[in-house]
Amino acid sequence: MKSNHFLYILAILFFQMTSCQKQSGIDYSLYELKFEDNFDGNQLDLTKWAYRTDNKHRSVQLKENVEIGNGYLTLHLKQLSQPLDGKLATGAGIVSRERFRYGYYEVRAKLGNGIDSDQDGEIDEGWHHSFWAMAAEIDGDEVATTYPGIRRTEIDCFENSSEHGEDPGQKGLNRFTQHVIIWNEKGKEVGRLPKPPADLTRIKDFQAIDWHTYAFEWTDETLRFFVDGKETHSTSYSASEYEHDYINVWLTAISANWNKEGAEDSQAIYDYFRYYSFKK
């Protein structure tokens, strides 16, 4: 009798789990976990990651701005009183050593610290956060450029900025873009899918400072983007039409040119990164 009751409970749990999968638009039974980092310990696992160390836009990216502790990765964003290599801000980022291709990519993250340190009525000013994937050139434990000649595919799962463009509807950490950028062999961007402004994601009552999952699914034909398990965008991106390459994963935070001056200290916190390949 107890055995039958136990089997009944298992059946109910399985039904609930599969129902949730269908409602979320993600069927995890299609995938198998191939790479995972939960950011345990007290230092970055350099067998899995390298540091982003470029000087780009309004900030210099520093290794010391990457912190591992209490099971989280924290990317610190700092203002400087004196310029460093011509910039008045420092950012941070990490890049996976391994390159991936088709499958499902997911992070859990919270962006910003919610502190109005300069008392101007706005929080987390001047920063550009991103979870993205593109081929990288790694030298030792550093990645010193976001413009490697080998890149063809750049998938931006989210790019959000505390200030973005002239349109007030695009400003703020709570709105972000999701797209693939196509590069050619001459290092020129030749297109974005979905085409702007269709790549802009707005979610009612969304607060980036809260914990959210961000993900994308890449096949040889399509790209689908998700926030908290719900599909936000999808686009055709066929290998028969575009060159697909193998991509490193980037978790980064910088001060970008389209952000206004007068930024304040902030941060981005990541709970995990996971990559799932399709089951054969």
Protein backbone atom coordinates (compact mmCIF):
# COMPACT_ATOMS: atom_id res chain seq x y z
CA MET A 1 0.00 0.00 0.00
CA LYS A 2 2.83 2.40 0.94
CA SER A 3 4.61 1.47 -2.28
CA ASN A 4 1.57 2.39 -4.37
CA HIS A 5 1.21 5.66 -2.48
CA PHE A 6 4.87 6.47 -3.12
CA LEU A 7 4.48 5.77 -6.84
CA TYR A 8 1.41 8.00 -6.91
CA ILE A 9 3.38 10.87 -5.32
CA LEU A 10 6.16 10.43 -7.86
CA ALA A 11 3.65 10.51 -10.70
CA ILE A 12 2.13 13.75 -9.40
CA LEU A 13 5.57 15.36 -9.05
CA PHE A 14 6.55 14.27 -12.57
CA PHE A 15 3.32 15.70 -13.99
CA GLN A 16 3.89 19.02 -12.19
CA MET A 17 7.48 19.19 -13.37
CA THR A 18 6.63 18.50 -17.01
CA SER A 19 3.74 20.97 -16.85
CA CYS A 20 6.09 23.67 -15.55
CA GLN A 21 8.52 22.89 -18.37
CA LYS A 22 5.83 23.35 -20.99
CA GLN A 23 4.51 26.54 -19.38
CA SER A 24 7.99 28.04 -19.21
CA GLY A 25 8.72 27.24 -22.86
CA ILE A 26 11.82 25.25 -21.86
CA ASP A 27 11.89 21.48 -22.02
CA TYR A 28 14.93 20.46 -19.97
CA SER A 29 14.50 16.83 -21.02
CA LEU A 30 15.97 17.83 -24.40
CA TYR A 31 19.32 18.78 -22.85
CA GLU A 32 22.19 17.39 -20.82
CA LEU A 33 24.39 19.53 -18.57
CA LYS A 34 27.91 19.88 -20.00
CA PHE A 35 29.41 22.84 -18.12
CA GLU A 36 28.59 24.45 -14.80
CA ASP A 37 30.13 26.91 -12.37
CA ASN A 38 28.34 27.80 -9.14
CA PHE A 39 31.18 30.13 -8.12
CA ASP A 40 31.97 28.29 -4.91
CA GLY A 41 35.21 28.84 -2.99
CA ASN A 42 37.03 32.13 -2.62
CA GLN A 43 38.72 32.65 -5.97
CA LEU A 44 37.93 32.41 -9.67
CA ASP A 45 38.52 28.98 -11.18
CA LEU A 46 41.18 29.82 -13.76
CA THR A 47 40.87 26.37 -15.34
CA LYS A 48 37.40 27.49 -16.47
CA TRP A 49 37.71 31.25 -16.89
CA ALA A 50 40.02 34.10 -17.90
CA TYR A 51 39.73 37.76 -16.92
CA ARG A 52 38.54 40.50 -19.23
CA THR A 53 41.29 43.15 -19.11
CA ASP A 54 40.62 45.57 -21.96
CA ASN A 55 40.44 49.35 -22.02
CA LYS A 56 37.16 50.09 -23.77
CA HIS A 57 34.59 52.89 -23.84
CA ARG A 58 34.72 54.71 -20.47
CA SER A 59 36.39 52.07 -18.28
CA VAL A 60 39.41 49.84 -17.81
CA GLN A 61 38.56 46.26 -16.83
CA LEU A 62 40.58 44.97 -13.87
CA LYS A 63 41.17 41.50 -12.41
CA GLU A 64 40.86 42.85 -8.89
CA ASN A 65 37.28 43.93 -9.60
CA VAL A 66 36.30 40.24 -9.88
CA GLU A 67 35.32 38.72 -6.53
CA ILE A 68 34.29 35.17 -5.61
CA GLY A 69 32.69 34.62 -2.20
CA ASN A 70 29.68 33.13 -0.44
CA GLY A 71 28.82 31.16 -3.57
CA TYR A 72 28.61 34.18 -5.88
CA LEU A 73 30.59 35.95 -8.57
CA THR A 74 30.58 39.73 -8.06
CA LEU A 75 31.76 42.13 -10.75
CA HIS A 76 32.60 45.45 -9.13
CA LEU A 77 32.22 48.76 -10.95
CA LYS A 78 34.20 51.66 -9.55
CA GLN A 79 34.65 55.36 -10.13
CA LEU A 80 38.14 56.85 -9.90
CA SER A 81 39.29 60.21 -8.59
CA GLN A 82 42.31 60.08 -10.91
CA PRO A 83 42.34 58.64 -14.45
CA LEU A 84 43.74 55.18 -15.15
CA ASP A 85 44.96 54.73 -18.72
CA GLY A 86 42.83 57.72 -19.65
CA LYS A 87 39.62 56.47 -18.02
CA LEU A 88 37.84 57.53 -14.83
CA ALA A 89 36.15 54.19 -14.16
CA THR A 90 37.04 50.53 -13.84
CA GLY A 91 34.88 47.55 -14.74
CA ALA A 92 35.20 43.79 -14.67
CA GLY A 93 34.49 40.61 -16.57
CA ILE A 94 35.26 36.93 -17.02
CA VAL A 95 35.41 34.83 -20.19
CA SER A 96 35.06 31.05 -20.41
CA ARG A 97 38.11 29.14 -21.63
CA GLU A 98 35.92 26.55 -23.27
CA ARG A 99 34.04 27.30 -26.47
CA PHE A 100 30.50 26.06 -26.93
CA ARG A 101 28.04 25.78 -29.78
CA TYR A 102 24.42 24.70 -30.04
CA GLY A 103 22.49 24.23 -26.81
CA TYR A 104 20.94 26.08 -23.90
CA TYR A 105 22.85 28.73 -21.90
CA GLU A 106 21.63 30.10 -18.57
CA VAL A 107 22.70 32.40 -15.73
CA ARG A 108 21.05 33.60 -12.53
CA ALA A 109 21.97 37.19 -11.78
CA LYS A 110 21.09 40.43 -10.05
CA LEU A 111 22.32 43.72 -11.49
CA GLY A 112 23.08 46.91 -9.61
CA ASN A 113 23.29 47.72 -5.90
CA GLY A 114 20.30 50.07 -5.61
CA ILE A 115 22.36 52.76 -3.89
CA ASP A 116 22.02 56.43 -4.85
CA SER A 117 25.51 57.35 -3.67
CA ASP A 118 25.54 60.81 -5.24
CA GLN A 119 22.01 61.67 -4.01
CA ASP A 120 20.69 62.78 -7.38
CA GLY A 121 17.58 60.62 -7.34
CA GLU A 122 18.94 57.94 -9.70
CA ILE A 123 20.65 54.64 -8.84
CA ASP A 124 23.40 52.61 -10.50
CA GLU A 125 24.17 55.28 -13.05
CA GLY A 126 26.56 54.88 -15.94
CA TRP A 127 26.99 51.12 -16.35
CA HIS A 128 26.53 48.54 -19.07
CA HIS A 129 25.92 44.93 -17.95
CA SER A 130 25.96 41.95 -20.28
CA PHE A 131 25.78 38.16 -20.48
CA TRP A 132 26.94 37.33 -23.97
CA ALA A 133 28.86 34.82 -26.08
CA MET A 134 31.47 35.33 -28.79
CA ALA A 135 34.77 33.76 -29.79
CA ALA A 136 37.62 35.13 -27.67
CA GLU A 137 41.40 35.16 -27.89
CA ILE A 138 42.83 34.20 -24.49
CA ASP A 139 46.42 34.96 -23.54
CA GLY A 140 47.33 33.27 -20.26
CA ASP A 141 44.55 34.32 -17.90
CA GLU A 142 43.53 37.46 -19.81
CA VAL A 143 41.30 38.55 -22.68
CA ALA A 144 42.49 41.96 -23.81
CA THR A 145 40.13 42.67 -26.71
CA THR A 146 36.48 42.29 -27.69
CA TYR A 147 37.44 42.62 -31.37
CA PRO A 148 39.16 39.33 -32.28
CA GLY A 149 39.36 38.70 -36.01
CA ILE A 150 37.99 35.19 -35.55
CA ARG A 151 34.54 36.28 -34.40
CA ARG A 152 31.49 35.67 -36.59
CA THR A 153 28.69 35.01 -34.06
CA GLU A 154 27.95 37.31 -31.11
CA ILE A 155 24.92 36.33 -29.04
CA ASP A 156 23.86 38.96 -26.50
CA CYS A 157 21.51 37.33 -24.00
CA PHE A 158 21.14 40.67 -22.28
CA GLU A 159 22.76 44.06 -22.63
CA ASN A 160 21.37 46.67 -20.29
CA SER A 161 22.56 50.10 -19.38
CA SER A 162 21.60 52.59 -16.73
CA GLU A 163 21.48 55.10 -19.57
CA HIS A 164 20.86 54.05 -23.17
CA GLY A 165 20.14 56.34 -26.08
CA GLU A 166 17.88 59.37 -26.23
CA ASP A 167 14.62 57.44 -25.98
CA PRO A 168 13.42 57.45 -22.34
CA GLY A 169 11.82 54.08 -23.01
CA GLN A 170 15.26 52.56 -23.50
CA LYS A 171 16.83 53.99 -20.37
CA GLY A 172 17.39 52.08 -17.17
CA LEU A 173 18.75 48.76 -15.97
CA ASN A 174 15.26 47.27 -16.15
CA ARG A 175 15.22 47.31 -19.97
CA PHE A 176 17.70 45.46 -22.15
CA THR A 177 18.41 44.21 -25.65
CA GLN A 178 18.61 40.54 -26.75
CA HIS A 179 19.95 39.69 -30.20
CA VAL A 180 22.65 38.07 -32.29
CA ILE A 181 25.20 40.27 -34.04
CA ILE A 182 26.67 38.96 -37.30
CA TRP A 183 30.32 39.80 -38.06
CA ASN A 184 32.22 39.24 -41.29
CA GLU A 185 35.86 38.32 -41.91
CA LYS A 186 36.78 42.02 -42.20
CA GLY A 187 35.64 42.67 -38.63
CA LYS A 188 32.54 44.56 -39.73
CA GLU A 189 29.10 44.17 -38.19
CA VAL A 190 26.75 43.19 -41.01
CA GLY A 191 23.49 42.72 -39.15
CA ARG A 192 21.48 42.13 -35.97
CA LEU A 193 18.62 39.71 -35.38
CA PRO A 194 16.03 40.60 -34.25
CA LYS A 195 16.59 43.96 -35.91
CA PRO A 196 16.46 46.97 -33.56
CA PRO A 197 14.24 48.16 -32.01
CA ALA A 198 12.52 44.75 -32.01
CA ASP A 199 15.37 43.39 -29.87
CA LEU A 200 14.44 45.62 -26.91
CA THR A 201 12.95 43.72 -23.97
CA ARG A 202 10.55 45.38 -21.55
CA ILE A 203 8.88 43.32 -18.83
CA LYS A 204 6.13 44.74 -16.62
CA ASP A 205 7.29 45.46 -13.04
CA PHE A 206 10.72 44.00 -13.83
CA GLN A 207 13.55 44.98 -11.49
CA ALA A 208 17.06 43.97 -12.54
CA ILE A 209 18.28 44.31 -8.96
CA ASP A 210 16.20 41.24 -8.05
CA TRP A 211 17.33 37.70 -8.85
CA HIS A 212 16.38 36.59 -12.37
CA THR A 213 17.40 33.83 -14.75
CA TYR A 214 18.49 34.84 -18.24
CA ALA A 215 18.95 32.28 -20.97
CA PHE A 216 19.16 31.57 -24.68
CA GLU A 217 18.73 28.48 -26.81
CA TRP A 218 20.82 28.20 -29.98
CA THR A 219 20.19 25.71 -32.78
CA ASP A 220 21.51 25.57 -36.33
CA GLU A 221 18.31 27.34 -37.41
CA THR A 222 17.07 29.59 -34.60
CA LEU A 223 17.80 31.59 -31.48
CA ARG A 224 15.34 31.90 -28.58
CA PHE A 225 15.80 34.20 -25.57
CA PHE A 226 14.28 33.71 -22.11
CA VAL A 227 13.87 35.63 -18.86
CA ASP A 228 12.72 33.67 -15.80
CA GLY A 229 11.81 30.75 -18.04
CA LYS A 230 9.55 32.73 -20.35
CA GLU A 231 10.44 33.33 -23.98
CA THR A 232 11.04 37.01 -24.73
CA HIS A 233 12.37 36.93 -28.32
CA SER A 234 13.04 34.44 -31.09
CA THR A 235 14.69 34.84 -34.46
CA SER A 236 15.73 32.79 -37.46
CA TYR A 237 19.52 32.43 -37.58
CA SER A 238 20.32 29.66 -40.03
CA ALA A 239 23.74 28.10 -40.52
CA SER A 240 22.90 27.81 -44.21
CA GLU A 241 22.70 31.61 -44.41
CA TYR A 242 25.17 32.79 -41.77
CA GLU A 243 28.55 31.49 -40.60
CA HIS A 244 28.21 29.97 -37.13
CA ASP A 245 31.30 29.59 -35.00
CA TYR A 246 32.20 28.28 -31.55
CA ILE A 247 31.70 30.84 -28.80
CA ASN A 248 33.20 31.69 -25.42
CA VAL A 249 30.85 32.95 -22.70
CA TRP A 250 31.35 36.48 -21.33
CA LEU A 251 29.97 37.89 -18.06
CA THR A 252 30.94 41.55 -18.02
CA ALA A 253 30.24 45.02 -16.70
CA ILE A 254 31.76 48.20 -18.12
CA SER A 255 31.10 51.92 -18.40
CA ALA A 256 30.00 52.34 -22.00
CA ASN A 257 30.22 55.37 -24.29
CA TRP A 258 26.44 55.71 -24.46
CA ASN A 259 26.25 56.08 -20.67
CA LYS A 260 26.38 59.60 -19.36
CA GLU A 261 29.26 60.93 -17.28
CA GLY A 262 28.99 61.04 -13.52
CA ALA A 263 28.48 57.33 -12.91
CA GLU A 264 28.54 55.87 -9.41
CA ASP A 265 29.93 52.65 -7.95
CA SER A 266 27.82 49.57 -8.64
CA GLN A 267 28.03 45.79 -9.12
CA ALA A 268 26.66 42.72 -10.86
CA ILE A 269 26.22 39.43 -8.98
CA TYR A 270 26.01 35.99 -10.60
CA ASP A 271 24.83 32.85 -8.83
CA TYR A 272 25.78 30.40 -11.60
CA PHE A 273 26.41 29.79 -15.27
CA ARG A 274 25.27 26.56 -16.96
CA TYR A 275 25.58 25.23 -20.49
CA TYR A 276 23.44 22.33 -21.71
CA SER A 277 24.01 20.55 -25.01
CA PHE A 278 21.24 18.82 -26.91
CA LYS A 279 20.85 15.14 -26.16
CA LYS A 280 21.87 12.90 -29.04
